[in-house]
């Protein structure tokens, strides 16, 4: 019975990774399940690079936030700021970041899993 629940959860979760920000079916940008070891270089940095650096690099540090390298990103993760800024709560309130659209569900899940795994530089 537990195996059936786990399978149903994975199917539901992974189907969210096939939707783009508008809910249309699109190629997934998440190559890792949050149930496995999440890699900073393979999973987290590409999310940050594609969605955050245009506003949060050393040149364009909106809100005084710079997250362009591992040290800066892990500090934001360990403080909870990174996850809280992209999390889309069930209440439907829009996420704080990124501006204009939310991250894919699987990207948010990867950020959460990486933080829970200790925000490792792997």
N, C-alpha and C. Protein backbone atom coordinates (compact mmCIF):
# COMPACT_ATOMS: atom_id res chain seq x y z
N UNK A 1 0.83 -1.19 0.00
CA UNK A 1 0.00 0.00 0.00
C UNK A 1 0.88 1.26 0.00
N UNK A 2 1.94 1.26 0.82
CA UNK A 2 2.83 2.40 0.86
C UNK A 2 3.50 2.61 -0.50
N UNK A 3 3.87 1.50 -1.16
CA UNK A 3 4.49 1.59 -2.48
C UNK A 3 3.57 2.26 -3.49
N UNK A 4 2.28 1.95 -3.42
CA UNK A 4 1.30 2.58 -4.33
C UNK A 4 1.19 4.07 -4.08
N UNK A 5 1.21 4.47 -2.81
CA UNK A 5 1.15 5.88 -2.47
C UNK A 5 2.39 6.61 -2.98
N UNK A 6 3.55 5.99 -2.78
CA UNK A 6 4.80 6.60 -3.23
C UNK A 6 4.80 6.75 -4.74
N UNK A 7 4.35 5.74 -5.45
CA UNK A 7 4.30 5.81 -6.91
C UNK A 7 3.35 6.92 -7.36
N UNK A 8 2.17 7.02 -6.73
CA UNK A 8 1.22 8.06 -7.08
C UNK A 8 1.81 9.44 -6.82
N UNK A 9 2.52 9.59 -5.69
CA UNK A 9 3.15 10.87 -5.37
C UNK A 9 4.18 11.26 -6.43
N UNK A 10 5.02 10.28 -6.80
CA UNK A 10 6.07 10.56 -7.79
C UNK A 10 5.46 10.94 -9.14
N UNK A 11 4.42 10.25 -9.55
CA UNK A 11 3.76 10.58 -10.83
C UNK A 11 3.20 11.99 -10.76
N UNK A 12 2.53 12.34 -9.66
CA UNK A 12 1.97 13.69 -9.49
C UNK A 12 3.08 14.73 -9.48
N UNK A 13 4.13 14.46 -8.71
CA UNK A 13 5.22 15.42 -8.59
C UNK A 13 5.93 15.63 -9.92
N UNK A 14 6.27 14.54 -10.57
CA UNK A 14 7.00 14.66 -11.83
C UNK A 14 6.16 15.27 -12.93
N UNK A 15 4.84 15.10 -12.88
CA UNK A 15 4.00 15.74 -13.90
C UNK A 15 4.06 17.25 -13.76
N UNK A 16 4.27 17.76 -12.53
CA UNK A 16 4.44 19.20 -12.33
C UNK A 16 5.71 19.71 -12.97
N UNK A 17 6.70 18.84 -13.13
CA UNK A 17 7.96 19.24 -13.75
C UNK A 17 7.84 19.34 -15.26
N UNK A 18 6.77 18.84 -15.81
CA UNK A 18 6.59 18.89 -17.25
C UNK A 18 5.77 20.11 -17.67
N UNK A 19 5.41 20.95 -16.71
CA UNK A 19 4.63 22.15 -17.02
C UNK A 19 5.52 23.37 -16.94
N UNK A 20 5.32 24.29 -17.89
CA UNK A 20 6.07 25.53 -17.81
C UNK A 20 5.38 26.46 -16.82
N UNK A 21 5.83 27.68 -16.71
CA UNK A 21 5.32 28.60 -15.71
C UNK A 21 3.86 28.98 -15.92
N UNK A 22 3.36 28.78 -17.14
CA UNK A 22 1.96 29.06 -17.43
C UNK A 22 1.10 27.80 -17.34
N UNK A 23 1.71 26.67 -16.98
CA UNK A 23 0.99 25.42 -16.84
C UNK A 23 0.95 24.59 -18.11
N UNK A 24 1.61 25.03 -19.18
CA UNK A 24 1.66 24.28 -20.42
C UNK A 24 2.71 23.18 -20.32
N UNK A 25 2.47 22.08 -21.03
CA UNK A 25 3.44 20.99 -21.03
C UNK A 25 4.71 21.47 -21.74
N UNK A 26 5.84 21.27 -21.10
CA UNK A 26 7.12 21.73 -21.63
C UNK A 26 8.21 20.78 -21.16
N UNK A 27 9.35 20.80 -21.81
CA UNK A 27 10.47 19.97 -21.32
C UNK A 27 10.86 20.37 -19.91
N UNK A 28 11.17 19.41 -19.11
CA UNK A 28 11.53 19.67 -17.72
C UNK A 28 12.94 20.23 -17.62
N UNK A 29 13.12 21.19 -16.71
CA UNK A 29 14.46 21.69 -16.43
C UNK A 29 15.01 21.00 -15.19
N UNK A 30 14.23 20.14 -14.58
CA UNK A 30 14.67 19.44 -13.38
C UNK A 30 15.13 18.04 -13.77
N UNK A 31 16.41 17.80 -13.59
CA UNK A 31 16.97 16.50 -13.94
C UNK A 31 17.08 15.57 -12.74
N UNK A 32 16.78 16.07 -11.56
CA UNK A 32 16.94 15.31 -10.33
C UNK A 32 15.64 15.33 -9.54
N UNK A 33 15.34 14.24 -8.90
CA UNK A 33 14.21 14.19 -7.98
C UNK A 33 14.66 14.74 -6.64
N UNK A 34 13.81 15.51 -5.96
CA UNK A 34 14.19 16.01 -4.63
C UNK A 34 14.30 14.89 -3.61
N UNK A 35 13.91 13.67 -4.00
CA UNK A 35 14.03 12.53 -3.10
C UNK A 35 15.44 11.95 -3.12
N UNK A 36 16.28 12.40 -4.05
CA UNK A 36 17.67 11.94 -4.13
C UNK A 36 18.58 13.09 -3.72
N UNK A 37 19.88 12.88 -3.80
CA UNK A 37 20.83 13.93 -3.44
C UNK A 37 20.78 15.03 -4.49
N UNK A 38 20.53 16.24 -4.05
CA UNK A 38 20.45 17.40 -4.94
C UNK A 38 21.85 18.01 -5.03
N UNK A 39 22.25 18.33 -6.24
CA UNK A 39 23.58 18.88 -6.49
C UNK A 39 23.51 20.38 -6.72
N UNK A 40 24.40 21.11 -6.06
CA UNK A 40 24.45 22.56 -6.28
C UNK A 40 24.78 22.85 -7.74
N UNK A 41 25.84 22.26 -8.25
CA UNK A 41 26.29 22.61 -9.61
C UNK A 41 25.35 22.11 -10.70
N UNK A 42 24.76 20.95 -10.52
CA UNK A 42 23.88 20.38 -11.55
C UNK A 42 22.45 20.89 -11.46
N UNK A 43 21.93 21.09 -10.25
CA UNK A 43 20.52 21.38 -10.07
C UNK A 43 20.22 22.82 -9.63
N UNK A 44 20.91 23.29 -8.61
CA UNK A 44 20.57 24.58 -8.00
C UNK A 44 21.13 25.76 -8.79
N UNK A 45 22.43 25.72 -9.11
CA UNK A 45 23.01 26.87 -9.80
C UNK A 45 22.30 27.18 -11.13
N UNK A 46 21.95 26.18 -11.95
CA UNK A 46 21.22 26.51 -13.18
C UNK A 46 19.87 27.22 -12.93
N UNK A 47 19.18 26.86 -11.85
CA UNK A 47 17.93 27.54 -11.51
C UNK A 47 18.21 29.00 -11.19
N UNK A 48 19.23 29.22 -10.36
CA UNK A 48 19.60 30.59 -9.97
C UNK A 48 20.05 31.38 -11.20
N UNK A 49 20.91 30.78 -12.01
CA UNK A 49 21.44 31.45 -13.20
C UNK A 49 20.32 31.86 -14.16
N UNK A 50 19.36 30.97 -14.39
CA UNK A 50 18.30 31.23 -15.35
C UNK A 50 17.19 32.13 -14.83
N UNK A 51 17.04 32.23 -13.51
CA UNK A 51 15.89 32.95 -12.97
C UNK A 51 16.21 34.11 -12.04
N UNK A 52 17.45 34.20 -11.55
CA UNK A 52 17.74 35.16 -10.49
C UNK A 52 18.86 36.15 -10.80
N UNK A 53 19.86 35.71 -11.55
CA UNK A 53 21.06 36.52 -11.71
C UNK A 53 20.84 37.81 -12.49
N UNK A 54 19.81 37.89 -13.30
CA UNK A 54 19.59 39.15 -14.03
C UNK A 54 19.29 40.30 -13.07
N UNK A 55 18.82 39.99 -11.87
CA UNK A 55 18.54 41.03 -10.87
C UNK A 55 19.43 40.96 -9.63
N UNK A 56 20.10 39.82 -9.42
CA UNK A 56 20.83 39.63 -8.17
C UNK A 56 22.29 39.24 -8.37
N UNK A 57 22.94 39.85 -9.35
CA UNK A 57 24.39 39.66 -9.49
C UNK A 57 25.09 40.90 -8.94
N UNK A 58 26.40 40.93 -9.00
CA UNK A 58 27.16 42.05 -8.43
C UNK A 58 26.85 43.37 -9.12
N UNK A 59 26.46 43.31 -10.38
CA UNK A 59 26.16 44.53 -11.14
C UNK A 59 24.73 45.02 -10.88
N UNK A 60 23.79 44.11 -10.85
CA UNK A 60 22.36 44.44 -10.67
C UNK A 60 21.86 43.82 -9.37
N UNK A 61 22.22 44.37 -8.25
CA UNK A 61 21.89 43.77 -6.97
C UNK A 61 20.61 44.37 -6.38
N UNK A 62 19.49 44.02 -7.01
CA UNK A 62 18.18 44.48 -6.58
C UNK A 62 17.97 44.12 -5.11
N UNK A 63 17.56 45.09 -4.33
CA UNK A 63 17.32 44.87 -2.92
C UNK A 63 18.59 44.61 -2.12
N UNK A 64 19.75 44.86 -2.74
CA UNK A 64 21.01 44.62 -2.06
C UNK A 64 21.38 43.14 -1.97
N UNK A 65 20.66 42.30 -2.70
CA UNK A 65 20.90 40.85 -2.64
C UNK A 65 21.74 40.41 -3.82
N UNK A 66 22.88 39.78 -3.52
CA UNK A 66 23.76 39.24 -4.55
C UNK A 66 23.86 37.74 -4.29
N UNK A 67 23.47 36.95 -5.29
CA UNK A 67 23.55 35.49 -5.15
C UNK A 67 24.14 34.90 -6.43
N UNK A 68 25.41 35.22 -6.66
CA UNK A 68 26.03 34.76 -7.90
C UNK A 68 27.07 33.67 -7.71
N UNK A 69 27.35 33.26 -6.47
CA UNK A 69 28.31 32.17 -6.26
C UNK A 69 27.81 31.27 -5.13
N UNK A 70 28.50 30.15 -4.97
CA UNK A 70 28.05 29.17 -3.98
C UNK A 70 27.92 29.77 -2.58
N UNK A 71 28.91 30.50 -2.13
CA UNK A 71 28.88 31.05 -0.77
C UNK A 71 27.64 31.92 -0.55
N UNK A 72 27.37 32.81 -1.48
CA UNK A 72 26.22 33.70 -1.35
C UNK A 72 24.90 32.94 -1.42
N UNK A 73 24.82 31.98 -2.33
CA UNK A 73 23.59 31.21 -2.49
C UNK A 73 23.35 30.31 -1.28
N UNK A 74 24.40 29.69 -0.76
CA UNK A 74 24.22 28.81 0.40
C UNK A 74 23.85 29.61 1.65
N UNK A 75 24.40 30.80 1.80
CA UNK A 75 24.01 31.65 2.94
C UNK A 75 22.53 31.99 2.85
N UNK A 76 22.06 32.32 1.64
CA UNK A 76 20.64 32.62 1.45
C UNK A 76 19.79 31.38 1.72
N UNK A 77 20.30 30.22 1.33
CA UNK A 77 19.58 28.97 1.57
C UNK A 77 19.52 28.64 3.05
N UNK A 78 20.65 28.73 3.72
CA UNK A 78 20.72 28.38 5.14
C UNK A 78 19.88 29.31 6.01
N UNK A 79 19.73 30.55 5.60
CA UNK A 79 18.90 31.49 6.36
C UNK A 79 17.41 31.28 6.10
N UNK A 80 17.09 30.51 5.05
CA UNK A 80 15.69 30.29 4.68
C UNK A 80 15.18 31.30 3.67
N UNK A 81 15.96 32.34 3.42
CA UNK A 81 15.54 33.41 2.52
C UNK A 81 15.31 32.92 1.09
N UNK A 82 16.18 32.07 0.59
CA UNK A 82 16.07 31.59 -0.79
C UNK A 82 14.76 30.86 -1.00
N UNK A 83 14.48 29.87 -0.17
CA UNK A 83 13.25 29.09 -0.32
C UNK A 83 12.01 29.96 -0.10
N UNK A 84 12.02 30.78 0.94
CA UNK A 84 10.85 31.61 1.23
C UNK A 84 10.54 32.61 0.13
N UNK A 85 11.56 33.02 -0.62
CA UNK A 85 11.33 34.01 -1.68
C UNK A 85 10.72 33.38 -2.94
N UNK A 86 10.85 32.05 -3.12
CA UNK A 86 10.32 31.41 -4.32
C UNK A 86 9.14 30.48 -4.04
N UNK A 87 8.87 30.17 -2.78
CA UNK A 87 7.81 29.24 -2.40
C UNK A 87 6.44 29.79 -2.75
N UNK A 88 5.61 28.95 -3.33
CA UNK A 88 4.25 29.33 -3.69
C UNK A 88 3.29 28.61 -2.74
N UNK A 89 2.80 29.30 -1.70
CA UNK A 89 1.97 28.62 -0.69
C UNK A 89 0.61 28.20 -1.26
N UNK A 90 -0.01 27.19 -0.63
CA UNK A 90 -1.32 26.72 -1.09
C UNK A 90 -2.39 27.81 -1.07
N UNK A 91 -2.19 28.85 -0.28
CA UNK A 91 -3.19 29.93 -0.20
C UNK A 91 -3.31 30.68 -1.51
N UNK A 92 -2.34 30.49 -2.41
CA UNK A 92 -2.41 31.12 -3.72
C UNK A 92 -1.73 32.46 -3.80
N UNK A 93 -1.15 32.95 -2.72
CA UNK A 93 -0.42 34.21 -2.80
C UNK A 93 0.78 34.02 -3.71
N UNK A 94 1.03 34.98 -4.59
CA UNK A 94 2.15 34.80 -5.52
C UNK A 94 3.49 34.79 -4.79
N UNK A 95 4.46 34.06 -5.32
CA UNK A 95 5.78 34.05 -4.69
C UNK A 95 6.45 35.41 -4.82
N UNK A 96 7.34 35.68 -3.91
CA UNK A 96 8.05 36.95 -3.90
C UNK A 96 8.98 37.06 -5.10
N UNK A 97 9.61 35.96 -5.46
CA UNK A 97 10.55 35.93 -6.58
C UNK A 97 10.34 34.65 -7.38
N UNK A 98 10.77 34.58 -8.59
CA UNK A 98 11.30 35.68 -9.40
C UNK A 98 10.17 36.59 -9.88
N UNK A 99 10.53 37.80 -10.21
CA UNK A 99 9.55 38.77 -10.68
C UNK A 99 8.91 38.28 -11.97
N UNK A 100 7.62 38.44 -12.08
CA UNK A 100 6.92 38.12 -13.32
C UNK A 100 6.31 36.74 -13.40
N UNK A 101 6.92 35.74 -12.79
CA UNK A 101 6.39 34.37 -12.84
C UNK A 101 7.09 33.53 -11.77
N UNK A 102 6.43 32.45 -11.39
CA UNK A 102 7.04 31.59 -10.38
C UNK A 102 7.95 30.55 -11.04
N UNK A 103 8.79 29.96 -10.22
CA UNK A 103 9.60 28.84 -10.68
C UNK A 103 8.70 27.63 -10.90
N UNK A 104 9.20 26.65 -11.63
CA UNK A 104 8.48 25.39 -11.77
C UNK A 104 8.38 24.72 -10.41
N UNK A 105 7.34 23.94 -10.20
CA UNK A 105 7.17 23.24 -8.92
C UNK A 105 8.38 22.38 -8.60
N UNK A 106 8.92 21.72 -9.61
CA UNK A 106 10.07 20.86 -9.33
C UNK A 106 11.31 21.68 -8.97
N UNK A 107 11.45 22.89 -9.51
CA UNK A 107 12.58 23.75 -9.15
C UNK A 107 12.48 24.19 -7.69
N UNK A 108 11.28 24.53 -7.27
CA UNK A 108 11.05 24.92 -5.87
C UNK A 108 11.34 23.74 -4.95
N UNK A 109 10.89 22.55 -5.35
CA UNK A 109 11.13 21.35 -4.55
C UNK A 109 12.62 21.03 -4.47
N UNK A 110 13.36 21.26 -5.54
CA UNK A 110 14.80 21.04 -5.50
C UNK A 110 15.50 22.01 -4.56
N UNK A 111 15.09 23.26 -4.58
CA UNK A 111 15.67 24.26 -3.67
C UNK A 111 15.39 23.87 -2.22
N UNK A 112 14.16 23.45 -1.95
CA UNK A 112 13.81 23.03 -0.59
C UNK A 112 14.63 21.80 -0.18
N UNK A 113 14.72 20.81 -1.06
CA UNK A 113 15.47 19.60 -0.74
C UNK A 113 16.95 19.90 -0.52
N UNK A 114 17.52 20.77 -1.36
CA UNK A 114 18.93 21.13 -1.21
C UNK A 114 19.18 21.78 0.15
N UNK A 115 18.28 22.67 0.56
CA UNK A 115 18.40 23.31 1.87
C UNK A 115 18.32 22.26 2.99
N UNK A 116 17.36 21.36 2.89
CA UNK A 116 17.21 20.33 3.91
C UNK A 116 18.39 19.37 3.95
N UNK A 117 19.07 19.21 2.80
CA UNK A 117 20.24 18.34 2.74
C UNK A 117 21.51 19.05 3.18
N UNK A 118 21.39 20.31 3.61
CA UNK A 118 22.54 21.03 4.15
C UNK A 118 23.17 22.03 3.21
N UNK A 119 22.55 22.30 2.08
CA UNK A 119 23.05 23.29 1.10
C UNK A 119 24.51 23.01 0.74
N UNK A 120 24.77 21.77 0.37
CA UNK A 120 26.13 21.34 0.09
C UNK A 120 26.67 21.89 -1.22
N UNK A 121 27.99 22.05 -1.28
CA UNK A 121 28.67 22.50 -2.51
C UNK A 121 29.09 21.24 -3.26
N UNK A 122 28.13 20.63 -3.93
CA UNK A 122 28.39 19.38 -4.64
C UNK A 122 27.97 19.46 -6.09
